[in-house]
Protein backbone atom coordinates (compact mmCIF):
# COMPACT_ATOMS: atom_id res chain seq x y z
CA MET A 1 0.00 0.00 0.00
CA ILE A 2 2.84 2.40 0.75
CA LEU A 3 4.32 1.70 -2.67
CA ASN A 4 0.95 2.52 -4.26
CA ASN A 5 0.80 5.86 -2.44
CA LYS A 6 4.36 6.71 -3.41
CA LEU A 7 3.64 5.84 -7.04
CA LEU A 8 0.50 8.00 -7.00
CA LEU A 9 2.37 10.94 -5.45
CA ASN A 10 5.17 10.59 -7.99
CA GLY A 11 2.60 10.63 -10.80
CA ILE A 12 0.90 13.75 -9.47
CA LEU A 13 4.28 15.44 -8.96
CA ALA A 14 5.41 14.62 -12.50
CA PHE A 15 2.09 15.76 -13.97
CA SER A 16 2.22 19.04 -12.05
CA ILE A 17 5.79 19.78 -13.09
CA LEU A 18 5.02 18.90 -16.71
CA SER A 19 1.86 21.04 -16.76
CA LEU A 20 3.63 24.07 -15.33
CA SER A 21 6.61 23.59 -17.63
CA ILE A 22 4.35 23.55 -20.68
CA ALA A 23 2.41 26.59 -19.43
CA TYR A 24 5.58 28.62 -18.84
CA PHE A 25 7.04 27.47 -22.16
CA ILE A 26 3.96 28.69 -24.02
CA GLN A 27 3.96 31.94 -22.06
CA TYR A 28 7.63 32.92 -22.23
CA VAL A 29 9.07 31.10 -25.26
CA LEU A 30 6.11 31.24 -27.64
CA GLY A 31 5.00 34.65 -26.38
CA HIS A 32 1.34 33.95 -25.65
CA LYS A 33 -0.15 36.04 -22.87
CA PRO A 34 -2.21 33.91 -20.43
CA CYS A 35 -5.63 34.98 -19.25
CA ASN A 36 -6.37 35.56 -15.57
CA LEU A 37 -8.00 32.16 -15.18
CA CYS A 38 -4.93 30.45 -16.64
CA ILE A 39 -2.73 32.16 -14.08
CA ILE A 40 -5.06 31.29 -11.20
CA GLU A 41 -5.18 27.65 -12.34
CA ARG A 42 -1.42 27.37 -11.77
CA ILE A 43 -1.80 27.80 -8.00
CA PRO A 44 -2.96 24.20 -7.28
CA TYR A 45 -0.09 22.82 -9.37
CA ILE A 46 2.45 24.90 -7.45
CA ALA A 47 0.85 23.87 -4.15
CA ALA A 48 0.95 20.20 -5.17
CA ILE A 49 4.64 20.43 -6.07
CA ILE A 50 5.49 22.07 -2.75
CA LEU A 51 3.37 19.75 -0.60
CA ILE A 52 4.42 16.51 -2.29
CA SER A 53 8.08 17.56 -2.13
CA LEU A 54 7.67 18.23 1.60
CA VAL A 55 6.08 14.81 2.08
CA PHE A 56 9.02 13.11 0.39
CA ILE A 57 11.57 15.15 2.35
CA LEU A 58 9.86 14.49 5.68
CA ASN A 59 9.49 10.77 4.94
CA LYS A 60 13.20 10.60 4.18
CA TYR A 61 14.05 12.01 7.60
CA GLN A 62 11.17 10.41 9.49
CA LYS A 63 13.38 8.27 11.74
CA ILE A 64 15.57 11.23 12.64
CA ILE A 65 12.58 13.47 13.41
CA SER A 66 10.73 10.88 15.51
CA SER A 67 13.77 10.01 17.63
C-alpha cells in the first residue's frame, strides 16, 4: 500500500511539473499572454509540487525526526 501511495504521489508530482513547464514554455518562449483564469489555475499545481516535495523530504528524515 505504501508503494501505491508513493507511485501516486510521484505521478501527481510529475504531472504538475510537466503542466507548469508547458504553461511557462507557451507563455515565455512562444510569447502567448495567459488569461487571468490560466494564471489562477497554476496555483494548485504549485501547491501540489510544494506539498508533495515536503512529504518526500519528511518521509526521508522520518526516523531522525521521531527520535
